[in-house]
Amino acid sequence: MRLLRLIFLSLAVGSLAAAPSPLTRDQVLADLARDLAAHFNLEGELQLELPKGWIPPAAAADHWRVELAEYPLLASSAMLVRLRLFGDGALAADASLVLRAVHGREVWVARQPLASGAIFDPSALETRRVDLFRERDALPTSAGDRGFIFARGVSAGRVLTWRDLARRPLVRKGDLVEVSVAEGQLTVTMKALAMESGAQGDVVTLRNPESRKDFVAVVTHENRVQVRF
């Protein structure tokens, strides 16, 4: 008798779990956020809010699918989207909605005043969560390393932006740098005068001190460049 009762309860619970259900606001938001974040390649957390007047389809279904029929041109704090709602594979409704959105992400903030020309150092910074839709130029914590310097002074407590940084020059105008020229197994090195500054990967102009002829090379390391054919 006890076994039969357990079987009956198991069947009843399974029947309730499989019962058709209406489309919930949470599912719509979750599906739209996932789709929009993937489409616009947004890192961080995308939070969406539906208009209060939105009414879900009256039908119930075992499986609901939310499909974006038309994407907005740009991800922003307010987006107009067209979507289709499918219940058990059948189209249940078409809708056009204005979504309110927040793109939350951790960004760098100056913990102390930072001088122009200082090397980027995370120990002098702290993090803060901001809405990148409102602060689009904010520098996320996934960016920035010691290959950058501060292009201008930054006051304490200010959110860093991309405009605050510049790539750190490894070759400086007026310095003598080591030039390597490789051809096959043969490598020749010489000294040359840098006619301009450059960061890693930049092509800079140099001058041969003996012939006074100018040539170009690629910055590879600190005070080192390479001539590439």
Protein backbone atom coordinates (compact mmCIF):
# COMPACT_ATOMS: atom_id res chain seq x y z
CA MET A 1 0.00 0.00 0.00
CA ARG A 2 2.80 2.41 0.86
CA LEU A 3 4.51 1.65 -2.43
CA LEU A 4 1.33 2.36 -4.38
CA ARG A 5 0.90 5.63 -2.51
CA LEU A 6 4.47 6.70 -3.38
CA ILE A 7 3.92 5.83 -7.04
CA PHE A 8 0.68 7.81 -7.05
CA LEU A 9 2.39 10.84 -5.47
CA SER A 10 5.27 10.61 -7.94
CA LEU A 11 2.87 10.55 -10.88
CA ALA A 12 0.90 13.46 -9.45
CA VAL A 13 4.03 15.57 -8.97
CA GLY A 14 5.20 14.72 -12.48
CA SER A 15 1.83 15.68 -13.86
CA LEU A 16 1.94 19.03 -12.08
CA ALA A 17 5.49 19.73 -13.26
CA ALA A 18 4.52 19.08 -16.87
CA ALA A 19 1.43 21.28 -16.75
CA PRO A 20 1.39 24.11 -19.33
CA SER A 21 2.30 27.51 -17.89
CA PRO A 22 2.01 31.14 -19.02
CA LEU A 23 5.05 33.05 -20.26
CA THR A 24 6.63 34.90 -17.35
CA ARG A 25 8.21 38.34 -17.38
CA ASP A 26 11.42 36.86 -15.91
CA GLN A 27 11.81 34.44 -18.80
CA VAL A 28 11.27 37.20 -21.36
CA LEU A 29 13.90 39.37 -19.67
CA ALA A 30 16.40 36.52 -19.34
CA ASP A 31 16.02 35.43 -22.97
CA LEU A 32 16.25 38.99 -24.31
CA ALA A 33 19.28 39.86 -22.16
CA ARG A 34 21.14 36.74 -23.28
CA ASP A 35 20.31 37.34 -26.96
CA LEU A 36 21.18 41.07 -26.93
CA ALA A 37 24.42 40.54 -24.99
CA ALA A 38 25.56 37.92 -27.51
CA HIS A 39 24.52 40.01 -30.52
CA PHE A 40 26.36 43.15 -29.35
CA ASN A 41 29.22 41.21 -27.70
CA LEU A 42 28.63 42.90 -24.34
CA GLU A 43 30.86 41.82 -21.46
CA GLY A 44 29.59 42.24 -17.93
CA GLU A 45 25.94 42.07 -16.90
CA LEU A 46 23.05 43.31 -19.04
CA GLN A 47 19.96 44.08 -16.96
CA LEU A 48 16.67 44.74 -18.74
CA GLU A 49 13.35 46.12 -17.57
CA LEU A 50 10.08 45.69 -19.43
CA PRO A 51 7.41 48.41 -19.58
CA LYS A 52 4.90 48.05 -16.78
CA GLY A 53 2.05 47.91 -19.26
CA TRP A 54 3.34 44.77 -20.98
CA ILE A 55 0.87 41.89 -20.90
CA PRO A 56 2.03 38.33 -21.69
CA PRO A 57 0.08 36.06 -24.06
CA ALA A 58 -3.03 34.57 -22.50
CA ALA A 59 -2.11 31.08 -23.72
CA ALA A 60 -0.18 28.53 -21.69
CA ALA A 61 2.47 26.19 -23.03
CA ASP A 62 4.95 23.56 -21.92
CA HIS A 63 7.84 25.34 -23.63
CA TRP A 64 8.17 29.03 -24.41
CA ARG A 65 10.70 30.64 -26.74
CA VAL A 66 11.41 34.36 -27.11
CA GLU A 67 12.91 35.31 -30.47
CA LEU A 68 14.15 38.73 -31.51
CA ALA A 69 12.77 39.57 -34.96
CA GLU A 70 14.67 42.85 -35.26
CA TYR A 71 17.66 44.16 -33.31
CA PRO A 72 18.21 47.82 -32.44
CA LEU A 73 21.03 49.55 -34.31
CA LEU A 74 22.94 50.23 -31.09
CA ALA A 75 22.93 48.81 -27.59
CA SER A 76 21.83 51.64 -25.28
CA SER A 77 19.87 52.46 -22.13
CA ALA A 78 16.62 52.50 -24.16
CA MET A 79 16.13 50.03 -27.00
CA LEU A 80 13.19 49.37 -29.29
CA VAL A 81 12.94 45.67 -30.16
CA ARG A 82 10.56 43.54 -32.15
CA LEU A 83 10.09 40.03 -30.86
CA ARG A 84 8.10 36.89 -31.49
CA LEU A 85 6.78 34.66 -28.73
CA PHE A 86 6.47 30.96 -29.45
CA GLY A 87 4.54 28.50 -27.27
CA ASP A 88 5.29 24.82 -27.98
CA GLY A 89 6.70 25.82 -31.35
CA ALA A 90 3.65 27.82 -32.47
CA LEU A 91 3.65 31.61 -32.82
CA ALA A 92 1.68 32.99 -29.90
CA ALA A 93 2.26 36.73 -30.35
CA ASP A 94 4.28 39.49 -32.02
CA ALA A 95 5.34 42.44 -29.91
CA SER A 96 7.29 45.70 -30.14
CA LEU A 97 8.76 46.86 -26.86
CA VAL A 98 10.93 49.68 -25.56
CA LEU A 99 13.40 48.12 -23.14
CA ARG A 100 15.20 50.00 -20.40
CA ALA A 101 18.69 48.64 -19.97
CA VAL A 102 21.71 48.84 -17.67
CA HIS A 103 25.11 47.49 -18.74
CA GLY A 104 26.86 46.86 -15.44
CA ARG A 105 30.61 46.35 -15.43
CA GLU A 106 33.60 46.86 -13.13
CA VAL A 107 35.83 49.78 -14.18
CA TRP A 108 39.03 51.41 -12.92
CA VAL A 109 38.92 54.41 -10.58
CA ALA A 110 41.91 56.48 -9.43
CA ARG A 111 42.58 55.83 -5.74
CA GLN A 112 45.05 58.71 -5.59
CA PRO A 113 46.11 61.57 -7.91
CA LEU A 114 47.91 60.21 -10.98
CA ALA A 115 50.53 62.26 -12.84
CA SER A 116 50.85 62.54 -16.59
CA GLY A 117 53.48 60.08 -17.82
CA ALA A 118 53.09 57.69 -14.86
CA ILE A 119 53.05 53.98 -15.74
CA PHE A 120 49.67 52.26 -15.41
CA ASP A 121 49.71 50.48 -12.04
CA PRO A 122 46.61 48.67 -10.70
CA SER A 123 47.87 49.10 -7.12
CA ALA A 124 47.17 52.85 -7.44
CA LEU A 125 43.61 52.13 -8.57
CA GLU A 126 40.37 50.70 -7.24
CA THR A 127 37.29 49.32 -8.93
CA ARG A 128 33.72 50.52 -9.18
CA ARG A 129 30.64 49.11 -10.87
CA VAL A 130 29.09 51.54 -13.36
CA ASP A 131 26.55 51.54 -16.15
CA LEU A 132 28.58 51.57 -19.38
CA PHE A 133 25.56 52.84 -21.28
CA ARG A 134 25.91 56.06 -19.27
CA GLU A 135 29.71 56.06 -19.01
CA ARG A 136 30.69 54.59 -22.37
CA ASP A 137 34.33 55.75 -22.21
CA ALA A 138 34.98 54.19 -18.79
CA LEU A 139 37.98 51.85 -18.73
CA PRO A 140 36.93 48.28 -17.78
CA THR A 141 39.11 46.31 -15.39
CA SER A 142 39.91 43.82 -18.17
CA ALA A 143 41.91 46.57 -19.91
CA GLY A 144 45.10 48.36 -18.97
CA ASP A 145 48.57 47.03 -18.10
CA ARG A 146 52.12 48.30 -17.66
CA GLY A 147 52.38 48.79 -21.40
CA PHE A 148 50.38 52.00 -20.90
CA ILE A 149 51.13 55.36 -19.33
CA PHE A 150 48.79 58.15 -18.28
CA ALA A 151 48.44 60.68 -21.08
CA ARG A 152 47.23 63.34 -18.64
CA GLY A 153 46.87 63.89 -14.92
CA VAL A 154 43.91 62.22 -13.19
CA SER A 155 42.39 63.39 -9.90
CA ALA A 156 41.62 60.97 -7.08
CA GLY A 157 38.20 59.34 -7.22
CA ARG A 158 37.68 59.82 -10.96
CA VAL A 159 36.66 56.98 -13.27
CA LEU A 160 39.41 56.32 -15.80
CA THR A 161 38.63 56.57 -19.51
CA TRP A 162 40.47 55.44 -22.63
CA ARG A 163 41.45 59.06 -23.25
CA ASP A 164 43.49 59.00 -20.04
CA LEU A 165 45.88 56.36 -21.40
CA ALA A 166 48.53 56.15 -24.06
CA ARG A 167 50.82 53.29 -24.98
CA ARG A 168 54.16 53.52 -23.19
CA PRO A 169 56.95 54.45 -25.63
CA LEU A 170 59.78 51.91 -25.68
CA VAL A 171 61.83 54.06 -28.03
CA ARG A 172 62.18 57.80 -27.43
CA LYS A 173 63.12 60.49 -29.91
CA GLY A 174 66.80 61.41 -29.66
CA ASP A 175 67.93 58.13 -28.07
CA LEU A 176 70.44 55.71 -29.56
CA VAL A 177 68.73 52.35 -30.01
CA GLU A 178 69.85 48.89 -31.04
CA VAL A 179 68.81 47.89 -34.54
CA SER A 180 68.73 44.27 -35.66
CA VAL A 181 68.59 43.22 -39.30
CA ALA A 182 67.95 39.55 -39.99
CA GLU A 183 68.27 37.78 -43.31
CA GLY A 184 68.13 34.00 -43.23
CA GLN A 185 70.44 32.72 -40.50
CA LEU A 186 72.44 35.94 -40.45
CA THR A 187 71.62 38.72 -37.96
CA VAL A 188 73.39 42.06 -37.96
CA THR A 189 73.08 44.63 -35.19
CA MET A 190 73.95 48.30 -35.19
CA LYS A 191 73.17 51.54 -33.39
CA ALA A 192 70.88 54.22 -34.80
CA LEU A 193 69.36 57.50 -33.67
CA ALA A 194 65.61 57.49 -33.09
CA MET A 195 63.98 60.36 -34.98
CA GLU A 196 60.63 59.78 -33.27
CA SER A 197 59.17 57.97 -30.28
CA GLY A 198 57.21 54.74 -30.59
CA ALA A 199 55.48 52.04 -28.57
CA GLN A 200 55.78 48.29 -29.18
CA GLY A 201 54.73 47.44 -32.71
CA ASP A 202 55.06 51.00 -34.02
CA VAL A 203 57.06 51.74 -37.14
CA VAL A 204 59.54 54.55 -36.40
CA THR A 205 62.10 56.49 -38.41
CA LEU A 206 65.77 56.15 -37.46
CA ARG A 207 69.03 57.69 -38.75
CA ASN A 208 72.30 55.92 -39.36
CA PRO A 209 74.88 58.04 -37.44
CA GLU A 210 77.61 57.28 -40.01
CA SER A 211 75.81 57.60 -43.36
CA ARG A 212 73.21 60.08 -42.07
CA LYS A 213 70.58 58.15 -44.03
CA ASP A 214 67.13 57.59 -42.59
CA PHE A 215 65.31 54.25 -42.54
CA VAL A 216 62.34 52.69 -40.76
CA ALA A 217 62.09 49.80 -38.31
CA VAL A 218 59.56 48.20 -35.97
CA VAL A 219 59.79 48.73 -32.21
CA THR A 220 60.18 45.36 -30.49
CA HIS A 221 61.51 46.00 -26.97
CA GLU A 222 62.93 48.74 -24.77
CA ASN A 223 65.42 50.69 -26.96
CA ARG A 224 65.37 47.92 -29.57
CA VAL A 225 63.98 47.87 -33.09
CA GLN A 226 64.02 45.44 -35.99
CA VAL A 227 64.25 46.09 -39.72
CA ARG A 228 61.79 43.88 -41.55
CA PHE A 229 61.79 43.15 -45.24
